[in-house]
N, C-alpha and C. Protein backbone atom coordinates (compact mmCIF):
# COMPACT_ATOMS: atom_id res chain seq x y z
N MET A 1 3.97 15.07 -10.08
CA MET A 1 3.69 13.99 -11.02
C MET A 1 4.39 12.71 -10.53
N ILE A 2 3.76 11.60 -10.85
CA ILE A 2 4.33 10.32 -10.45
C ILE A 2 4.33 9.34 -11.62
N ASN A 3 5.11 8.31 -11.43
CA ASN A 3 5.14 7.17 -12.34
C ASN A 3 4.87 5.94 -11.48
N LEU A 4 3.87 5.16 -11.84
CA LEU A 4 3.50 3.95 -11.10
C LEU A 4 3.93 2.75 -11.92
N GLN A 5 4.70 1.85 -11.29
CA GLN A 5 5.17 0.67 -12.03
C GLN A 5 5.31 -0.52 -11.09
N PRO A 6 5.21 -1.73 -11.64
CA PRO A 6 5.40 -2.92 -10.80
C PRO A 6 6.78 -2.90 -10.15
N VAL A 7 6.84 -3.35 -8.91
CA VAL A 7 8.11 -3.43 -8.21
C VAL A 7 9.02 -4.43 -8.92
N ARG A 8 10.31 -4.12 -8.92
CA ARG A 8 11.31 -5.01 -9.54
C ARG A 8 12.38 -5.32 -8.50
N ARG A 9 13.07 -6.40 -8.72
CA ARG A 9 14.15 -6.78 -7.81
C ARG A 9 15.20 -5.67 -7.75
N THR A 10 15.38 -4.94 -8.83
CA THR A 10 16.37 -3.85 -8.86
C THR A 10 15.96 -2.67 -7.96
N ASP A 11 14.74 -2.67 -7.47
CA ASP A 11 14.29 -1.63 -6.54
C ASP A 11 14.75 -1.90 -5.11
N ALA A 12 15.34 -3.06 -4.86
CA ALA A 12 15.66 -3.49 -3.49
C ALA A 12 16.48 -2.47 -2.72
N THR A 13 17.59 -2.03 -3.27
CA THR A 13 18.48 -1.12 -2.54
C THR A 13 17.76 0.16 -2.14
N GLU A 14 17.01 0.75 -3.07
CA GLU A 14 16.32 2.01 -2.77
C GLU A 14 15.18 1.78 -1.77
N LEU A 15 14.45 0.67 -1.88
CA LEU A 15 13.39 0.38 -0.93
C LEU A 15 13.93 0.15 0.47
N ILE A 16 15.02 -0.59 0.58
CA ILE A 16 15.63 -0.85 1.88
C ILE A 16 16.07 0.48 2.52
N ALA A 17 16.76 1.31 1.75
CA ALA A 17 17.23 2.60 2.28
C ALA A 17 16.04 3.48 2.68
N GLY A 18 15.00 3.51 1.86
CA GLY A 18 13.82 4.31 2.17
C GLY A 18 13.10 3.81 3.42
N ASN A 19 13.01 2.48 3.55
CA ASN A 19 12.36 1.91 4.73
C ASN A 19 13.16 2.19 6.00
N LEU A 20 14.48 2.11 5.90
CA LEU A 20 15.32 2.44 7.06
C LEU A 20 15.13 3.90 7.47
N ALA A 21 15.16 4.80 6.49
CA ALA A 21 15.01 6.23 6.79
C ALA A 21 13.60 6.57 7.29
N SER A 22 12.62 5.74 6.94
CA SER A 22 11.22 6.03 7.27
C SER A 22 10.69 5.26 8.47
N ARG A 23 11.55 4.58 9.21
CA ARG A 23 11.07 3.77 10.34
C ARG A 23 10.21 4.57 11.32
N ASN A 24 10.67 5.74 11.72
CA ASN A 24 9.89 6.55 12.66
C ASN A 24 8.61 7.08 12.02
N HIS A 25 8.67 7.34 10.72
CA HIS A 25 7.50 7.81 9.97
C HIS A 25 6.41 6.73 9.93
N HIS A 26 6.81 5.47 9.86
CA HIS A 26 5.86 4.35 9.77
C HIS A 26 5.38 3.86 11.14
N TYR A 27 6.13 4.15 12.18
CA TYR A 27 5.80 3.64 13.51
C TYR A 27 4.64 4.45 14.11
N PRO A 28 3.67 3.85 14.74
CA PRO A 28 3.50 2.44 15.08
C PRO A 28 2.63 1.67 14.09
N TRP A 29 2.36 2.28 12.94
CA TRP A 29 1.39 1.71 12.02
C TRP A 29 1.85 0.42 11.36
N MET A 30 3.13 0.33 11.11
CA MET A 30 3.63 -0.85 10.40
C MET A 30 5.12 -1.01 10.59
N ARG A 31 5.60 -2.17 10.20
CA ARG A 31 7.04 -2.47 10.15
C ARG A 31 7.36 -3.02 8.79
N ASN A 32 8.36 -2.46 8.15
CA ASN A 32 8.78 -2.90 6.83
C ASN A 32 10.13 -3.59 6.90
N PHE A 33 10.47 -4.28 5.83
CA PHE A 33 11.80 -4.89 5.72
C PHE A 33 12.85 -3.78 5.71
N THR A 34 13.99 -4.07 6.31
CA THR A 34 15.07 -3.08 6.36
C THR A 34 16.42 -3.69 5.99
N ASP A 35 16.37 -4.86 5.37
CA ASP A 35 17.60 -5.49 4.89
C ASP A 35 17.28 -6.35 3.67
N LEU A 36 18.30 -6.85 3.02
CA LEU A 36 18.11 -7.60 1.78
C LEU A 36 17.33 -8.89 2.02
N ALA A 37 17.57 -9.56 3.14
CA ALA A 37 16.82 -10.79 3.43
C ALA A 37 15.34 -10.48 3.56
N GLY A 38 14.99 -9.39 4.21
CA GLY A 38 13.59 -8.99 4.34
C GLY A 38 12.97 -8.65 2.99
N PHE A 39 13.74 -7.93 2.16
CA PHE A 39 13.24 -7.63 0.82
C PHE A 39 13.00 -8.91 0.04
N GLU A 40 13.96 -9.82 0.07
CA GLU A 40 13.83 -11.08 -0.69
C GLU A 40 12.62 -11.88 -0.21
N ASP A 41 12.36 -11.88 1.09
CA ASP A 41 11.19 -12.58 1.62
C ASP A 41 9.91 -11.92 1.09
N TRP A 42 9.83 -10.59 1.17
CA TRP A 42 8.67 -9.85 0.68
C TRP A 42 8.49 -10.04 -0.82
N PHE A 43 9.57 -9.86 -1.57
CA PHE A 43 9.52 -9.97 -3.03
C PHE A 43 9.18 -11.40 -3.45
N GLY A 44 9.76 -12.37 -2.77
CA GLY A 44 9.46 -13.77 -3.06
C GLY A 44 8.00 -14.10 -2.82
N ASN A 45 7.43 -13.52 -1.77
CA ASN A 45 6.00 -13.74 -1.49
C ASN A 45 5.14 -13.17 -2.61
N LEU A 46 5.55 -12.05 -3.18
CA LEU A 46 4.81 -11.48 -4.30
C LEU A 46 4.79 -12.43 -5.49
N GLN A 47 5.92 -13.12 -5.70
CA GLN A 47 6.04 -14.02 -6.85
C GLN A 47 5.26 -15.31 -6.66
N SER A 48 5.04 -15.71 -5.41
CA SER A 48 4.42 -17.02 -5.16
C SER A 48 3.01 -16.94 -4.60
N SER A 49 2.43 -15.75 -4.55
CA SER A 49 1.08 -15.63 -4.00
C SER A 49 0.24 -14.75 -4.91
N ALA A 50 -1.00 -14.61 -4.55
CA ALA A 50 -1.93 -13.76 -5.30
C ALA A 50 -1.76 -12.32 -4.83
N SER A 51 -0.60 -11.76 -5.14
CA SER A 51 -0.26 -10.39 -4.73
C SER A 51 0.45 -9.67 -5.86
N GLN A 52 0.33 -8.37 -5.87
CA GLN A 52 1.08 -7.52 -6.80
C GLN A 52 1.46 -6.25 -6.07
N ALA A 53 2.68 -5.78 -6.29
CA ALA A 53 3.13 -4.54 -5.67
C ALA A 53 3.56 -3.55 -6.73
N LEU A 54 3.29 -2.29 -6.46
CA LEU A 54 3.63 -1.20 -7.36
C LEU A 54 4.44 -0.17 -6.59
N VAL A 55 5.46 0.39 -7.23
CA VAL A 55 6.20 1.50 -6.63
C VAL A 55 5.74 2.79 -7.28
N VAL A 56 5.69 3.82 -6.47
CA VAL A 56 5.36 5.17 -6.93
C VAL A 56 6.66 5.94 -6.99
N ARG A 57 6.99 6.44 -8.15
CA ARG A 57 8.21 7.24 -8.31
C ARG A 57 7.83 8.70 -8.60
N ASP A 58 8.50 9.59 -7.92
CA ASP A 58 8.39 11.02 -8.19
C ASP A 58 9.08 11.26 -9.54
N THR A 59 8.35 11.78 -10.52
CA THR A 59 8.96 11.96 -11.84
C THR A 59 10.06 13.02 -11.82
N GLU A 60 9.97 13.97 -10.92
CA GLU A 60 10.99 15.03 -10.86
C GLU A 60 12.34 14.49 -10.38
N SER A 61 12.34 13.74 -9.29
CA SER A 61 13.60 13.25 -8.72
C SER A 61 13.92 11.82 -9.16
N GLY A 62 12.91 11.08 -9.60
CA GLY A 62 13.10 9.67 -9.95
C GLY A 62 13.11 8.75 -8.75
N LYS A 63 12.94 9.30 -7.55
CA LYS A 63 13.01 8.51 -6.32
C LYS A 63 11.67 7.86 -5.99
N ILE A 64 11.74 6.71 -5.29
CA ILE A 64 10.54 6.03 -4.85
C ILE A 64 9.87 6.84 -3.74
N ALA A 65 8.60 7.18 -3.94
CA ALA A 65 7.82 7.93 -2.96
C ALA A 65 6.98 7.01 -2.09
N GLY A 66 6.71 5.80 -2.57
CA GLY A 66 5.88 4.89 -1.80
C GLY A 66 5.64 3.58 -2.53
N VAL A 67 4.89 2.72 -1.85
CA VAL A 67 4.60 1.37 -2.36
C VAL A 67 3.13 1.08 -2.12
N PHE A 68 2.48 0.46 -3.10
CA PHE A 68 1.12 -0.06 -2.97
C PHE A 68 1.17 -1.55 -3.23
N THR A 69 0.55 -2.34 -2.36
CA THR A 69 0.53 -3.79 -2.52
C THR A 69 -0.90 -4.30 -2.50
N PHE A 70 -1.28 -4.96 -3.57
CA PHE A 70 -2.56 -5.69 -3.63
C PHE A 70 -2.26 -7.09 -3.14
N SER A 71 -2.97 -7.54 -2.12
CA SER A 71 -2.74 -8.90 -1.60
C SER A 71 -4.06 -9.65 -1.53
N GLN A 72 -3.93 -10.95 -1.42
CA GLN A 72 -5.08 -11.84 -1.37
C GLN A 72 -6.05 -11.52 -2.50
N ILE A 73 -5.48 -11.36 -3.69
CA ILE A 73 -6.31 -11.12 -4.87
C ILE A 73 -7.12 -12.38 -5.13
N PHE A 74 -8.42 -12.21 -5.14
CA PHE A 74 -9.31 -13.34 -5.37
C PHE A 74 -10.27 -12.94 -6.48
N MET A 75 -10.26 -13.68 -7.56
CA MET A 75 -11.08 -13.32 -8.71
C MET A 75 -12.42 -14.07 -8.65
N LYS A 76 -12.73 -14.84 -9.63
CA LYS A 76 -14.00 -15.56 -9.74
C LYS A 76 -15.16 -14.61 -9.44
N ALA A 77 -16.07 -14.99 -8.57
CA ALA A 77 -17.25 -14.15 -8.30
C ALA A 77 -16.95 -12.99 -7.35
N PHE A 78 -15.77 -13.00 -6.73
CA PHE A 78 -15.43 -11.98 -5.73
C PHE A 78 -14.72 -10.78 -6.35
N CYS A 79 -13.69 -11.00 -7.15
CA CYS A 79 -12.91 -9.94 -7.82
C CYS A 79 -12.51 -8.86 -6.83
N SER A 80 -11.83 -9.26 -5.76
CA SER A 80 -11.50 -8.36 -4.67
C SER A 80 -10.06 -8.55 -4.23
N ALA A 81 -9.52 -7.53 -3.57
CA ALA A 81 -8.17 -7.61 -3.01
C ALA A 81 -8.06 -6.63 -1.85
N TYR A 82 -7.09 -6.91 -0.99
CA TYR A 82 -6.72 -5.98 0.07
C TYR A 82 -5.62 -5.08 -0.47
N LEU A 83 -5.63 -3.84 -0.07
CA LEU A 83 -4.60 -2.90 -0.49
C LEU A 83 -3.89 -2.36 0.74
N SER A 84 -2.58 -2.49 0.75
CA SER A 84 -1.76 -1.84 1.78
C SER A 84 -0.80 -0.90 1.07
N TYR A 85 -0.28 0.04 1.82
CA TYR A 85 0.59 1.04 1.19
C TYR A 85 1.40 1.75 2.27
N TYR A 86 2.46 2.37 1.81
CA TYR A 86 3.25 3.23 2.70
C TYR A 86 4.04 4.21 1.86
N SER A 87 4.38 5.34 2.48
CA SER A 87 5.16 6.37 1.81
C SER A 87 6.57 6.41 2.38
N MET A 88 7.43 7.07 1.66
CA MET A 88 8.79 7.30 2.13
C MET A 88 8.86 8.70 2.71
N VAL A 89 9.48 8.83 3.87
CA VAL A 89 9.48 10.09 4.61
C VAL A 89 10.06 11.25 3.80
N HIS A 90 11.07 10.98 2.98
CA HIS A 90 11.73 12.07 2.26
C HIS A 90 10.84 12.72 1.19
N LEU A 91 9.73 12.07 0.81
CA LEU A 91 8.82 12.66 -0.18
C LEU A 91 7.39 12.77 0.35
N ALA A 92 7.21 12.59 1.65
CA ALA A 92 5.86 12.63 2.24
C ALA A 92 5.32 14.06 2.23
N GLY A 93 3.99 14.17 2.17
CA GLY A 93 3.34 15.46 2.28
C GLY A 93 3.33 16.29 1.01
N ARG A 94 3.66 15.67 -0.12
CA ARG A 94 3.70 16.42 -1.38
C ARG A 94 2.57 16.02 -2.34
N GLY A 95 1.65 15.16 -1.89
CA GLY A 95 0.54 14.75 -2.74
C GLY A 95 0.85 13.59 -3.66
N LEU A 96 2.07 13.07 -3.58
CA LEU A 96 2.46 11.98 -4.48
C LEU A 96 1.70 10.70 -4.18
N MET A 97 1.44 10.42 -2.91
CA MET A 97 0.70 9.21 -2.55
C MET A 97 -0.78 9.33 -2.92
N THR A 98 -1.34 10.54 -2.87
CA THR A 98 -2.72 10.72 -3.31
C THR A 98 -2.84 10.39 -4.79
N GLU A 99 -1.95 10.95 -5.58
CA GLU A 99 -1.95 10.66 -7.01
C GLU A 99 -1.65 9.17 -7.24
N GLY A 100 -0.71 8.64 -6.47
CA GLY A 100 -0.36 7.23 -6.59
C GLY A 100 -1.52 6.31 -6.25
N LEU A 101 -2.26 6.63 -5.19
CA LEU A 101 -3.40 5.79 -4.80
C LEU A 101 -4.47 5.81 -5.88
N LYS A 102 -4.76 6.96 -6.42
CA LYS A 102 -5.76 7.03 -7.49
C LYS A 102 -5.34 6.19 -8.69
N GLN A 103 -4.06 6.25 -9.04
CA GLN A 103 -3.57 5.45 -10.16
C GLN A 103 -3.53 3.96 -9.80
N ALA A 104 -3.21 3.63 -8.55
CA ALA A 104 -3.18 2.24 -8.12
C ALA A 104 -4.59 1.64 -8.17
N VAL A 105 -5.58 2.41 -7.75
CA VAL A 105 -6.97 1.94 -7.81
C VAL A 105 -7.36 1.69 -9.27
N ALA A 106 -7.04 2.63 -10.14
CA ALA A 106 -7.34 2.46 -11.57
C ALA A 106 -6.64 1.21 -12.12
N TYR A 107 -5.39 1.00 -11.71
CA TYR A 107 -4.64 -0.19 -12.11
C TYR A 107 -5.36 -1.45 -11.62
N GLY A 108 -5.78 -1.46 -10.36
CA GLY A 108 -6.47 -2.62 -9.81
C GLY A 108 -7.74 -2.95 -10.57
N PHE A 109 -8.50 -1.93 -10.91
CA PHE A 109 -9.73 -2.15 -11.65
C PHE A 109 -9.45 -2.57 -13.10
N ARG A 110 -8.57 -1.84 -13.77
CA ARG A 110 -8.33 -2.05 -15.20
C ARG A 110 -7.40 -3.23 -15.49
N GLU A 111 -6.25 -3.29 -14.83
CA GLU A 111 -5.24 -4.29 -15.16
C GLU A 111 -5.48 -5.63 -14.46
N ILE A 112 -5.88 -5.59 -13.19
CA ILE A 112 -6.11 -6.83 -12.45
C ILE A 112 -7.53 -7.33 -12.69
N GLY A 113 -8.46 -6.42 -12.90
CA GLY A 113 -9.86 -6.79 -13.12
C GLY A 113 -10.67 -6.85 -11.84
N LEU A 114 -10.24 -6.09 -10.83
CA LEU A 114 -10.94 -6.09 -9.54
C LEU A 114 -12.27 -5.34 -9.62
N HIS A 115 -13.19 -5.77 -8.79
CA HIS A 115 -14.46 -5.06 -8.59
C HIS A 115 -14.42 -4.26 -7.29
N ARG A 116 -13.64 -4.78 -6.29
CA ARG A 116 -13.62 -4.18 -4.96
C ARG A 116 -12.19 -4.17 -4.42
N ILE A 117 -11.80 -3.06 -3.81
CA ILE A 117 -10.48 -2.93 -3.18
C ILE A 117 -10.72 -2.47 -1.75
N GLU A 118 -10.14 -3.20 -0.80
CA GLU A 118 -10.34 -2.89 0.63
C GLU A 118 -9.01 -2.51 1.27
N ALA A 119 -9.05 -1.45 2.06
CA ALA A 119 -7.89 -1.01 2.85
C ALA A 119 -8.29 -1.00 4.32
N ASN A 120 -7.48 -1.60 5.16
CA ASN A 120 -7.73 -1.64 6.61
C ASN A 120 -6.72 -0.74 7.29
N ILE A 121 -7.24 0.23 8.07
CA ILE A 121 -6.41 1.31 8.59
C ILE A 121 -6.67 1.48 10.09
N GLN A 122 -5.59 1.65 10.85
CA GLN A 122 -5.74 1.88 12.28
C GLN A 122 -6.40 3.25 12.50
N PRO A 123 -7.37 3.32 13.42
CA PRO A 123 -8.15 4.55 13.62
C PRO A 123 -7.33 5.80 13.95
N ASP A 124 -6.16 5.64 14.55
CA ASP A 124 -5.34 6.81 14.89
C ASP A 124 -4.43 7.25 13.74
N ASN A 125 -4.42 6.51 12.65
CA ASN A 125 -3.57 6.85 11.51
C ASN A 125 -4.32 7.85 10.63
N LEU A 126 -4.37 9.08 11.09
CA LEU A 126 -5.19 10.10 10.46
C LEU A 126 -4.75 10.43 9.04
N ARG A 127 -3.46 10.41 8.77
CA ARG A 127 -2.98 10.71 7.41
C ARG A 127 -3.43 9.64 6.43
N SER A 128 -3.40 8.39 6.87
CA SER A 128 -3.83 7.30 6.00
C SER A 128 -5.34 7.34 5.77
N LEU A 129 -6.09 7.65 6.81
CA LEU A 129 -7.54 7.77 6.66
C LEU A 129 -7.89 8.90 5.68
N ALA A 130 -7.20 10.01 5.79
CA ALA A 130 -7.45 11.13 4.88
C ALA A 130 -7.08 10.75 3.45
N LEU A 131 -6.02 9.97 3.29
CA LEU A 131 -5.59 9.55 1.96
C LEU A 131 -6.67 8.73 1.26
N VAL A 132 -7.22 7.73 1.93
CA VAL A 132 -8.23 6.90 1.26
C VAL A 132 -9.51 7.70 0.99
N GLN A 133 -9.82 8.62 1.87
CA GLN A 133 -11.01 9.46 1.63
C GLN A 133 -10.82 10.32 0.38
N ARG A 134 -9.61 10.89 0.22
CA ARG A 134 -9.33 11.70 -0.98
C ARG A 134 -9.44 10.88 -2.26
N ALA A 135 -9.18 9.58 -2.16
CA ALA A 135 -9.21 8.71 -3.34
C ALA A 135 -10.58 8.10 -3.59
N GLY A 136 -11.58 8.42 -2.74
CA GLY A 136 -12.93 7.95 -2.98
C GLY A 136 -13.33 6.68 -2.25
N PHE A 137 -12.53 6.21 -1.31
CA PHE A 137 -12.91 5.04 -0.51
C PHE A 137 -14.00 5.44 0.47
N HIS A 138 -14.81 4.47 0.87
CA HIS A 138 -15.89 4.69 1.83
C HIS A 138 -15.71 3.76 3.02
N LYS A 139 -15.99 4.28 4.21
CA LYS A 139 -15.86 3.47 5.42
C LYS A 139 -16.98 2.44 5.46
N GLU A 140 -16.58 1.18 5.69
CA GLU A 140 -17.56 0.09 5.75
C GLU A 140 -17.74 -0.46 7.14
N GLY A 141 -16.75 -0.24 8.01
CA GLY A 141 -16.92 -0.80 9.34
C GLY A 141 -15.67 -0.72 10.19
N PHE A 142 -15.74 -1.41 11.30
CA PHE A 142 -14.68 -1.40 12.30
C PHE A 142 -14.38 -2.83 12.70
N SER A 143 -13.10 -3.18 12.75
CA SER A 143 -12.67 -4.52 13.13
C SER A 143 -11.77 -4.44 14.36
N PRO A 144 -12.31 -4.81 15.53
CA PRO A 144 -11.48 -4.76 16.75
C PRO A 144 -10.39 -5.83 16.71
N ARG A 145 -9.21 -5.43 17.20
CA ARG A 145 -8.07 -6.36 17.31
C ARG A 145 -7.87 -7.15 16.02
N TYR A 146 -7.78 -6.46 14.91
CA TYR A 146 -7.80 -7.05 13.57
C TYR A 146 -6.46 -7.61 13.11
N LEU A 147 -5.37 -6.85 13.32
CA LEU A 147 -4.05 -7.28 12.85
C LEU A 147 -3.03 -7.16 13.98
N PHE A 148 -2.09 -8.09 13.98
CA PHE A 148 -1.01 -8.09 14.98
C PHE A 148 0.16 -7.29 14.41
N ILE A 149 0.38 -6.10 14.95
CA ILE A 149 1.42 -5.19 14.45
C ILE A 149 2.22 -4.66 15.62
N ASN A 150 3.53 -4.71 15.51
CA ASN A 150 4.43 -4.18 16.54
C ASN A 150 4.08 -4.71 17.93
N GLY A 151 3.81 -6.00 18.01
CA GLY A 151 3.62 -6.65 19.30
C GLY A 151 2.23 -6.54 19.93
N ASP A 152 1.24 -6.06 19.16
CA ASP A 152 -0.08 -5.90 19.74
C ASP A 152 -1.15 -6.10 18.67
N TRP A 153 -2.31 -6.62 19.08
CA TRP A 153 -3.46 -6.71 18.19
C TRP A 153 -4.08 -5.33 18.09
N ARG A 154 -4.20 -4.82 16.89
CA ARG A 154 -4.64 -3.44 16.68
C ARG A 154 -5.98 -3.37 15.96
N ASP A 155 -6.81 -2.45 16.45
CA ASP A 155 -8.10 -2.19 15.80
C ASP A 155 -7.86 -1.56 14.43
N HIS A 156 -8.80 -1.81 13.53
CA HIS A 156 -8.72 -1.22 12.19
C HIS A 156 -10.11 -0.80 11.73
N GLU A 157 -10.13 0.23 10.90
CA GLU A 157 -11.33 0.60 10.17
C GLU A 157 -11.22 -0.01 8.78
N ARG A 158 -12.36 -0.50 8.27
CA ARG A 158 -12.40 -1.07 6.92
C ARG A 158 -12.91 -0.01 5.95
N TRP A 159 -12.11 0.26 4.95
CA TRP A 159 -12.46 1.22 3.90
C TRP A 159 -12.39 0.49 2.56
N ALA A 160 -13.31 0.80 1.67
CA ALA A 160 -13.32 0.11 0.37
C ALA A 160 -13.77 1.05 -0.73
N ILE A 161 -13.41 0.67 -1.93
CA ILE A 161 -13.86 1.36 -3.13
C ILE A 161 -14.31 0.28 -4.11
N ILE A 162 -15.41 0.56 -4.79
CA ILE A 162 -16.03 -0.38 -5.71
C ILE A 162 -15.91 0.17 -7.14
N ASN A 163 -15.66 -0.72 -8.08
CA ASN A 163 -15.65 -0.35 -9.48
C ASN A 163 -17.09 -0.47 -9.99
N ASP A 164 -17.75 0.64 -10.16
CA ASP A 164 -19.15 0.63 -10.58
C ASP A 164 -19.31 0.62 -12.10
N GLN A 165 -18.23 0.47 -12.81
CA GLN A 165 -18.34 0.49 -14.28
C GLN A 165 -18.41 -0.89 -14.85
């Protein structure tokens, strides 16, 4: 079981520690903040942009299992956002992120009012691809050299889910 809630400044210490412990788990897919300055930059960006982040907490231990971030939220006729996410190594492989993603999608549709949520995933990130498939996302295409990550332009697959209600 999980609890999904908006990220708070008080989550900083636990997120920093989790990101430090999970560096090898996240490599080469992404790089996260690993100090307070990095957290403040990330958190500040959430406050000043069309973004929202949610933490997934394991209800049994109370620990953060992962993070979901809706970015570039654009409403009007588009009602769409990009979704990025990552798990913490100490709670990986227990299904918490699957449950978290399903709840994050429901949050995006219900609370934000999105019609479409897009996730861009590197083709070799098999665990992430399996995660979005379990949550009902559909592959829409392939974007060569899409994002600059860890010193290189990396290909990504585009996956999306639509709110048909």
